[in-house]
Each structure stands twice: as structure tokens, then as C-alpha cells.
Amino acid sequence: MANPGGKGSTPRPLSVSQEQYNERWEAIFMSKKDEKIDMSEKRAENLSEIVQDRAEIHRIFEDEEE
């Protein structure tokens, strides 16, 4: 019996060139990696600001105690 479900190990033919396929793949999936990197950088910047703010608060309270 031939493969009745039409399923097999042979991939379907591409309707676009391999180059276009690769470009589209990168446009979809690589941009998400860039967004993750951007978010990591923003988190690092925010953490740095928090640390600086905390140090400033400590300085203010130390000055008040004296």
C-alpha cells in the first residue's frame, strides 16, 4: 500500500529560493534574539540606577543622623 496519508520523510518543495527562506527566517527569529539582548541591557541599566539611588538614599540618611 502506498503512503495513504501523504506523509513521508521527503520535504515539500519550497516555493521561494533558499536565500529568501533564510532571510525570512532571520527576520522572524533573529529579531527576537536582538530584543532579548536589548532587554538584558535595559535591565542592567535599571539595576545600575537602582544601586546608585540606594547609595544616595543611604548618604542622605547618614547625613541626617549626624
Protein backbone atom coordinates (compact mmCIF):
# COMPACT_ATOMS: atom_id res chain seq x y z
CA MET A 1 0.00 0.00 0.00
CA ALA A 2 1.34 3.41 -0.93
CA ASN A 3 1.63 6.05 1.75
CA PRO A 4 -2.11 6.85 2.18
CA GLY A 5 -1.70 9.89 4.42
CA GLY A 6 0.73 11.59 2.07
CA LYS A 7 3.26 11.75 4.87
CA GLY A 8 6.85 10.81 4.47
CA SER A 9 10.40 11.89 5.02
CA THR A 10 10.66 13.92 1.80
CA PRO A 11 10.21 17.65 2.49
CA ARG A 12 7.75 19.64 0.46
CA PRO A 13 9.25 21.68 -2.36
CA LEU A 14 9.98 25.31 -1.47
CA SER A 15 8.01 27.98 -3.28
CA VAL A 16 10.76 30.52 -2.56
CA SER A 17 14.51 30.36 -3.05
CA GLN A 18 16.69 29.14 -0.21
CA GLU A 19 18.14 32.65 0.09
CA GLN A 20 14.68 34.20 0.57
CA TYR A 21 13.80 31.46 3.04
CA ASN A 22 16.94 32.21 5.08
CA GLU A 23 16.26 35.96 5.02
CA ARG A 24 12.70 35.47 6.21
CA TRP A 25 13.83 33.04 8.91
CA GLU A 26 16.32 35.59 10.23
CA ALA A 27 13.74 38.38 10.07
CA ILE A 28 11.34 36.35 12.19
CA PHE A 29 13.59 34.64 14.70
CA MET A 30 16.77 36.71 14.89
CA SER A 31 14.92 39.90 15.75
CA LYS A 32 13.59 38.21 18.88
CA LYS A 33 17.16 37.44 19.97
CA ASP A 34 18.05 41.10 19.45
CA GLU A 35 15.06 42.11 21.57
CA LYS A 36 16.21 39.80 24.35
CA ILE A 37 19.68 41.33 24.24
CA ASP A 38 18.18 44.83 24.34
CA MET A 39 16.06 43.84 27.35
CA SER A 40 19.13 42.49 29.15
CA GLU A 41 20.96 45.74 28.56
CA LYS A 42 17.97 47.74 29.82
CA ARG A 43 17.77 45.58 32.94
CA ALA A 44 21.46 46.16 33.61
CA GLU A 45 21.00 49.91 33.20
CA ASN A 46 17.97 49.89 35.51
CA LEU A 47 19.85 47.87 38.11
CA SER A 48 22.73 50.32 37.95
CA GLU A 49 20.32 53.22 38.51
CA ILE A 50 18.75 51.42 41.46
CA VAL A 51 22.13 50.83 43.06
CA GLN A 52 23.06 54.49 42.58
CA ASP A 53 19.72 55.64 44.02
CA ARG A 54 20.12 53.36 47.02
CA ALA A 55 23.60 54.69 47.70
CA GLU A 56 22.24 58.24 47.53
CA ILE A 57 19.46 57.38 49.98
CA HIS A 58 21.98 55.91 52.40
CA ARG A 59 24.09 59.06 52.15
CA ILE A 60 21.06 61.24 52.89
CA PHE A 61 20.11 59.25 55.98
CA GLU A 62 23.69 59.13 57.24
CA ASP A 63 23.87 62.93 56.98
CA GLU A 64 20.61 63.26 58.95
CA GLU A 65 21.90 61.05 61.79
CA GLU A 66 24.94 63.23 62.38
